[in-house]
Amino acid sequence: MTPVIRPATEAELPAVGALIALSFDDLEQNRSLVPDPRSRLRVMGDFFTLLTEHAPLCGKVDVIDDPAGGLAAAAVWFDRTHEMPEIPHYDERLAALAGEWLPHFHELDELFDKHHPVDPHWHLAFLAVHPDHQGHGLGGALMDSTHQDLGGAAAYLEATNEDNIRLYRRYGYTDMMPFDIRMPDDTPFYRMWRA
């Protein structure tokens, strides 16, 4: 059965942030940002919510419902085909949520700013599927839905591991140069582009 994709409501955006944090919790990148496993879900959920709440103003947030309640999957996109507005009070809000790990988040922002493409594109910031629903094509359905709406615009993302890279290649993304960009602690991200 084809999943029903719909825009997230404003009230659901914190739940989208929490879903992203949960589905990314085992990633090396999240462990690098917040090494303490007792704090990671909370801090990363707040961080992903901060970014997700900005997306409807300059992009979109699509979700698939979990039949048992809650959200099964979400995609957060930013429209970078024109100038993107800054997140209001970003530095202060990031400092409040990141606490002692703020330097790690600053390093992430610097890495992404340095390597973000300048050509117009849509940025797939987050593609998250609840662990109970992974492997059922929900992430691919979310990508397909937006790819059909892009009207020929390019798309960009930062992948986190070999499994994700394989998935994105199946949906038309190719490796950029440099492909492998790294945090100061050597944690990698992989830049991919869909023309």
C-alpha atoms as a PDB file:
ATOM      1  CA  MET A   1       0.000   0.000   0.000  1.00  0.00           C
ATOM      2  CA  THR A   2       1.308   3.455  -0.918  1.00  0.00           C
ATOM      3  CA  PRO A   3       1.941   5.563   2.191  1.00  0.00           C
ATOM      4  CA  VAL A   4      -0.004   8.805   2.588  1.00  0.00           C
ATOM      5  CA  ILE A   5       2.371  11.785   2.664  1.00  0.00           C
ATOM      6  CA  ARG A   6       1.143  15.053   4.115  1.00  0.00           C
ATOM      7  CA  PRO A   7       2.585  18.330   5.397  1.00  0.00           C
ATOM      8  CA  ALA A   8       3.360  18.388   9.103  1.00  0.00           C
ATOM      9  CA  THR A   9       1.235  20.736  11.176  1.00  0.00           C
ATOM     10  CA  GLU A  10       2.939  23.417  13.240  1.00  0.00           C
ATOM     11  CA  ALA A  11       1.972  21.562  16.415  1.00  0.00           C
ATOM     12  CA  GLU A  12       3.712  18.404  15.127  1.00  0.00           C
ATOM     13  CA  LEU A  13       7.122  19.999  14.496  1.00  0.00           C
ATOM     14  CA  PRO A  14       8.528  19.101  17.960  1.00  0.00           C
ATOM     15  CA  ALA A  15       7.419  15.496  17.338  1.00  0.00           C
ATOM     16  CA  VAL A  16       9.267  15.588  14.006  1.00  0.00           C
ATOM     17  CA  GLY A  17      12.402  16.780  15.825  1.00  0.00           C
ATOM     18  CA  ALA A  18      12.039  13.958  18.340  1.00  0.00           C
ATOM     19  CA  LEU A  19      11.533  11.406  15.544  1.00  0.00           C
ATOM     20  CA  ILE A  20      14.704  12.572  13.803  1.00  0.00           C
ATOM     21  CA  ALA A  21      16.672  12.307  17.057  1.00  0.00           C
ATOM     22  CA  LEU A  22      15.351   8.788  17.698  1.00  0.00           C
ATOM     23  CA  SER A  23      16.007   7.523  14.176  1.00  0.00           C
ATOM     24  CA  PHE A  24      19.515   9.065  14.150  1.00  0.00           C
ATOM     25  CA  ASP A  25      20.411   8.024  17.717  1.00  0.00           C
ATOM     26  CA  ASP A  26      22.767   5.220  16.708  1.00  0.00           C
ATOM     27  CA  LEU A  27      24.658   7.347  14.164  1.00  0.00           C
ATOM     28  CA  GLU A  28      28.302   8.174  14.712  1.00  0.00           C
ATOM     29  CA  GLN A  29      27.492  11.806  13.930  1.00  0.00           C
ATOM     30  CA  ASN A  30      25.015  12.151  16.811  1.00  0.00           C
ATOM     31  CA  ARG A  31      27.447  10.460  19.201  1.00  0.00           C
ATOM     32  CA  SER A  32      30.107  12.935  18.100  1.00  0.00           C
ATOM     33  CA  LEU A  33      27.872  15.937  18.804  1.00  0.00           C
ATOM     34  CA  VAL A  34      26.554  14.683  22.169  1.00  0.00           C
ATOM     35  CA  PRO A  35      28.805  11.944  23.589  1.00  0.00           C
ATOM     36  CA  ASP A  36      26.660  11.421  26.723  1.00  0.00           C
ATOM     37  CA  PRO A  37      23.985   8.809  25.852  1.00  0.00           C
ATOM     38  CA  ARG A  38      21.813   9.992  28.768  1.00  0.00           C
ATOM     39  CA  SER A  39      21.534  13.488  27.248  1.00  0.00           C
ATOM     40  CA  ARG A  40      21.752  12.720  23.534  1.00  0.00           C
ATOM     41  CA  LEU A  41      18.073  12.179  22.670  1.00  0.00           C
ATOM     42  CA  ARG A  42      16.978  15.316  24.519  1.00  0.00           C
ATOM     43  CA  VAL A  43      19.689  17.601  23.138  1.00  0.00           C
ATOM     44  CA  MET A  44      19.477  16.269  19.589  1.00  0.00           C
ATOM     45  CA  GLY A  45      15.670  16.366  19.673  1.00  0.00           C
ATOM     46  CA  ASP A  46      15.805  20.033  20.678  1.00  0.00           C
ATOM     47  CA  PHE A  47      18.400  20.749  17.975  1.00  0.00           C
ATOM     48  CA  PHE A  48      16.437  19.013  15.221  1.00  0.00           C
ATOM     49  CA  THR A  49      13.262  20.780  16.384  1.00  0.00           C
ATOM     50  CA  LEU A  50      15.016  24.161  16.181  1.00  0.00           C
ATOM     51  CA  LEU A  51      15.871  23.522  12.535  1.00  0.00           C
ATOM     52  CA  THR A  52      12.586  21.805  11.678  1.00  0.00           C
ATOM     53  CA  GLU A  53      10.498  24.694  13.018  1.00  0.00           C
ATOM     54  CA  HIS A  54      12.254  26.984  10.523  1.00  0.00           C
ATOM     55  CA  ALA A  55      11.625  24.735   7.497  1.00  0.00           C
ATOM     56  CA  PRO A  56       7.973  25.654   6.811  1.00  0.00           C
ATOM     57  CA  LEU A  57       9.060  29.290   6.367  1.00  0.00           C
ATOM     58  CA  CYS A  58      11.576  28.452   3.640  1.00  0.00           C
ATOM     59  CA  GLY A  59      10.945  24.861   2.602  1.00  0.00           C
ATOM     60  CA  LYS A  60       8.680  22.110   3.840  1.00  0.00           C
ATOM     61  CA  VAL A  61       8.225  19.286   6.320  1.00  0.00           C
ATOM     62  CA  ASP A  62       6.425  16.164   5.076  1.00  0.00           C
ATOM     63  CA  VAL A  63       5.362  13.264   7.277  1.00  0.00           C
ATOM     64  CA  ILE A  64       3.876   9.784   7.109  1.00  0.00           C
ATOM     65  CA  ASP A  65       1.628   8.748   9.982  1.00  0.00           C
ATOM     66  CA  ASP A  66       2.174   5.640  12.047  1.00  0.00           C
ATOM     67  CA  PRO A  67      -1.077   3.637  11.911  1.00  0.00           C
ATOM     68  CA  ALA A  68      -0.655   2.959  15.633  1.00  0.00           C
ATOM     69  CA  GLY A  69      -0.384   6.687  16.382  1.00  0.00           C
ATOM     70  CA  GLY A  70       2.380   9.254  16.103  1.00  0.00           C
ATOM     71  CA  LEU A  71       4.705   9.635  13.120  1.00  0.00           C
ATOM     72  CA  ALA A  72       6.380   6.859  11.141  1.00  0.00           C
ATOM     73  CA  ALA A  73       8.619   9.032   8.943  1.00  0.00           C
ATOM     74  CA  ALA A  74       9.488  12.627   8.106  1.00  0.00           C
ATOM     75  CA  ALA A  75      11.488  14.657   5.590  1.00  0.00           C
ATOM     76  CA  VAL A  76      12.706  18.202   6.247  1.00  0.00           C
ATOM     77  CA  TRP A  77      13.577  20.252   3.158  1.00  0.00           C
ATOM     78  CA  PHE A  78      14.953  23.779   2.730  1.00  0.00           C
ATOM     79  CA  ASP A  79      14.441  25.720  -0.497  1.00  0.00           C
ATOM     80  CA  ARG A  80      17.891  27.038  -1.401  1.00  0.00           C
ATOM     81  CA  THR A  81      16.877  28.200  -4.884  1.00  0.00           C
ATOM     82  CA  HIS A  82      16.832  31.690  -3.363  1.00  0.00           C
ATOM     83  CA  GLU A  83      18.231  33.385  -0.255  1.00  0.00           C
ATOM     84  CA  MET A  84      17.203  31.569   2.905  1.00  0.00           C
ATOM     85  CA  PRO A  85      16.300  33.667   5.960  1.00  0.00           C
ATOM     86  CA  GLU A  86      18.288  33.178   9.147  1.00  0.00           C
ATOM     87  CA  ILE A  87      16.747  31.300  12.060  1.00  0.00           C
ATOM     88  CA  PRO A  88      15.727  33.996  14.571  1.00  0.00           C
ATOM     89  CA  HIS A  89      18.017  34.097  17.622  1.00  0.00           C
ATOM     90  CA  TYR A  90      19.787  30.959  16.406  1.00  0.00           C
ATOM     91  CA  ASP A  91      23.018  31.462  18.386  1.00  0.00           C
ATOM     92  CA  GLU A  92      21.226  32.056  21.683  1.00  0.00           C
ATOM     93  CA  ARG A  93      18.796  29.185  21.168  1.00  0.00           C
ATOM     94  CA  LEU A  94      21.587  26.811  20.132  1.00  0.00           C
ATOM     95  CA  ALA A  95      23.638  27.749  23.187  1.00  0.00           C
ATOM     96  CA  ALA A  96      20.646  27.119  25.472  1.00  0.00           C
ATOM     97  CA  LEU A  97      19.964  23.639  24.103  1.00  0.00           C
ATOM     98  CA  ALA A  98      23.528  22.429  23.456  1.00  0.00           C
ATOM     99  CA  GLY A  99      25.038  23.306  26.832  1.00  0.00           C
ATOM    100  CA  GLU A 100      28.541  21.905  27.277  1.00  0.00           C
ATOM    101  CA  TRP A 101      28.487  20.474  23.745  1.00  0.00           C
ATOM    102  CA  LEU A 102      28.031  23.869  22.069  1.00  0.00           C
ATOM    103  CA  PRO A 103      31.556  23.786  20.537  1.00  0.00           C
ATOM    104  CA  HIS A 104      30.631  20.557  18.716  1.00  0.00           C
ATOM    105  CA  PHE A 105      27.580  22.229  17.164  1.00  0.00           C
ATOM    106  CA  HIS A 106      29.673  25.246  16.155  1.00  0.00           C
ATOM    107  CA  GLU A 107      32.095  22.865  14.415  1.00  0.00           C
ATOM    108  CA  LEU A 108      29.172  21.227  12.598  1.00  0.00           C
ATOM    109  CA  ASP A 109      27.817  24.590  11.443  1.00  0.00           C
ATOM    110  CA  GLU A 110      31.258  25.678  10.223  1.00  0.00           C
ATOM    111  CA  LEU A 111      31.769  22.410   8.333  1.00  0.00           C
ATOM    112  CA  PHE A 112      28.382  22.602   6.623  1.00  0.00           C
ATOM    113  CA  ASP A 113      28.696  26.325   5.821  1.00  0.00           C
ATOM    114  CA  LYS A 114      32.118  25.792   4.273  1.00  0.00           C
ATOM    115  CA  HIS A 115      30.980  22.917   2.044  1.00  0.00           C
ATOM    116  CA  HIS A 116      27.387  23.841   1.174  1.00  0.00           C
ATOM    117  CA  PRO A 117      26.844  24.155  -2.605  1.00  0.00           C
ATOM    118  CA  VAL A 118      26.259  27.638  -3.992  1.00  0.00           C
ATOM    119  CA  ASP A 119      24.165  26.518  -6.993  1.00  0.00           C
ATOM    120  CA  PRO A 120      20.379  26.816  -6.477  1.00  0.00           C
ATOM    121  CA  HIS A 121      18.887  23.637  -5.004  1.00  0.00           C
ATOM    122  CA  TRP A 122      16.567  22.082  -2.463  1.00  0.00           C
ATOM    123  CA  HIS A 123      18.377  20.782   0.616  1.00  0.00           C
ATOM    124  CA  LEU A 124      17.178  17.523   2.158  1.00  0.00           C
ATOM    125  CA  ALA A 125      18.286  18.358   5.679  1.00  0.00           C
ATOM    126  CA  PHE A 126      16.737  15.315   7.396  1.00  0.00           C
ATOM    127  CA  LEU A 127      15.134  12.091   6.227  1.00  0.00           C
ATOM    128  CA  ALA A 128      14.016  10.103   9.263  1.00  0.00           C
ATOM    129  CA  VAL A 129      12.114   6.840   9.626  1.00  0.00           C
ATOM    130  CA  HIS A 130      11.113   5.500  13.023  1.00  0.00           C
ATOM    131  CA  PRO A 131      13.186   2.382  13.848  1.00  0.00           C
ATOM    132  CA  ASP A 132       9.991   0.271  13.907  1.00  0.00           C
ATOM    133  CA  HIS A 133       9.228   1.241  10.288  1.00  0.00           C
ATOM    134  CA  GLN A 134      12.645   1.194   8.622  1.00  0.00           C
ATOM    135  CA  GLY A 135      13.145  -0.962   5.547  1.00  0.00           C
ATOM    136  CA  HIS A 136       9.590  -0.507   4.211  1.00  0.00           C
ATOM    137  CA  GLY A 137      10.220   2.207   1.611  1.00  0.00           C
ATOM    138  CA  LEU A 138       8.930   5.172   3.598  1.00  0.00           C
ATOM    139  CA  GLY A 139      12.093   7.233   3.138  1.00  0.00           C
ATOM    140  CA  GLY A 140      12.077   6.572  -0.590  1.00  0.00           C
ATOM    141  CA  ALA A 141       8.399   7.541  -0.821  1.00  0.00           C
ATOM    142  CA  LEU A 142       9.129  10.858   0.918  1.00  0.00           C
ATOM    143  CA  MET A 143      11.999  11.589  -1.477  1.00  0.00           C
ATOM    144  CA  ASP A 144       9.992  10.620  -4.562  1.00  0.00           C
ATOM    145  CA  SER A 145       7.153  12.896  -3.509  1.00  0.00           C
ATOM    146  CA  THR A 146       9.384  15.960  -3.291  1.00  0.00           C
ATOM    147  CA  HIS A 147      11.506  15.091  -6.320  1.00  0.00           C
ATOM    148  CA  GLN A 148       8.310  15.121  -8.414  1.00  0.00           C
ATOM    149  CA  ASP A 149       7.505  18.630  -7.139  1.00  0.00           C
ATOM    150  CA  LEU A 150      10.918  20.215  -7.691  1.00  0.00           C
ATOM    151  CA  GLY A 151      10.216  21.266 -11.266  1.00  0.00           C
ATOM    152  CA  GLY A 152      13.718  20.434 -12.432  1.00  0.00           C
ATOM    153  CA  ALA A 153      15.507  22.020  -9.466  1.00  0.00           C
ATOM    154  CA  ALA A 154      18.553  20.205  -8.102  1.00  0.00           C
ATOM    155  CA  ALA A 155      18.677  18.609  -4.652  1.00  0.00           C
ATOM    156  CA  TYR A 156      21.498  18.264  -2.121  1.00  0.00           C
ATOM    157  CA  LEU A 157      22.068  16.316   1.094  1.00  0.00           C
ATOM    158  CA  GLU A 158      24.741  15.163   3.524  1.00  0.00           C
ATOM    159  CA  ALA A 159      24.660  11.394   4.007  1.00  0.00           C
ATOM    160  CA  THR A 160      25.960   9.771   7.182  1.00  0.00           C
ATOM    161  CA  ASN A 161      26.931   6.188   6.328  1.00  0.00           C
ATOM    162  CA  GLU A 162      27.229   3.560   3.589  1.00  0.00           C
ATOM    163  CA  ASP A 163      23.620   2.372   3.962  1.00  0.00           C
ATOM    164  CA  ASN A 164      22.331   5.915   3.442  1.00  0.00           C
ATOM    165  CA  ILE A 165      24.694   6.487   0.534  1.00  0.00           C
ATOM    166  CA  ARG A 166      23.345   3.378  -1.214  1.00  0.00           C
ATOM    167  CA  LEU A 167      19.754   4.526  -0.629  1.00  0.00           C
ATOM    168  CA  TYR A 168      20.386   8.011  -1.986  1.00  0.00           C
ATOM    169  CA  ARG A 169      22.206   6.670  -5.048  1.00  0.00           C
ATOM    170  CA  ARG A 170      19.099   4.608  -5.862  1.00  0.00           C
ATOM    171  CA  TYR A 171      17.131   7.873  -5.913  1.00  0.00           C
ATOM    172  CA  GLY A 172      19.450   9.670  -8.324  1.00  0.00           C
ATOM    173  CA  TYR A 173      21.994  11.286  -5.999  1.00  0.00           C
ATOM    174  CA  THR A 174      25.662  11.225  -6.986  1.00  0.00           C
ATOM    175  CA  ASP A 175      28.846  11.858  -5.044  1.00  0.00           C
ATOM    176  CA  MET A 176      30.136  15.435  -4.972  1.00  0.00           C
ATOM    177  CA  MET A 177      33.745  16.528  -4.708  1.00  0.00           C
ATOM    178  CA  PRO A 178      34.829  16.682  -2.022  1.00  0.00           C
ATOM    179  CA  PHE A 179      32.585  13.764  -1.120  1.00  0.00           C
ATOM    180  CA  ASP A 180      33.899  13.036   2.365  1.00  0.00           C
ATOM    181  CA  ILE A 181      33.930  16.054   4.718  1.00  0.00           C
ATOM    182  CA  ARG A 182      34.933  15.632   8.347  1.00  0.00           C
ATOM    183  CA  MET A 183      34.450  17.162  11.755  1.00  0.00           C
ATOM    184  CA  PRO A 184      37.616  17.944  13.760  1.00  0.00           C
ATOM    185  CA  ASP A 185      37.242  14.572  15.560  1.00  0.00           C
ATOM    186  CA  ASP A 186      37.245  12.859  12.116  1.00  0.00           C
ATOM    187  CA  THR A 187      33.487  12.138  12.082  1.00  0.00           C
ATOM    188  CA  PRO A 188      32.456  11.999   8.398  1.00  0.00           C
ATOM    189  CA  PHE A 189      29.595  13.356   6.321  1.00  0.00           C
ATOM    190  CA  TYR A 190      29.167  12.620   2.609  1.00  0.00           C
ATOM    191  CA  ARG A 191      27.982  15.275   0.147  1.00  0.00           C
ATOM    192  CA  MET A 192      25.518  14.154  -2.540  1.00  0.00           C
ATOM    193  CA  TRP A 193      23.773  15.980  -5.398  1.00  0.00           C
ATOM    194  CA  ARG A 194      20.780  15.189  -7.582  1.00  0.00           C
ATOM    195  CA  ALA A 195      20.729  17.181 -10.829  1.00  0.00           C
END
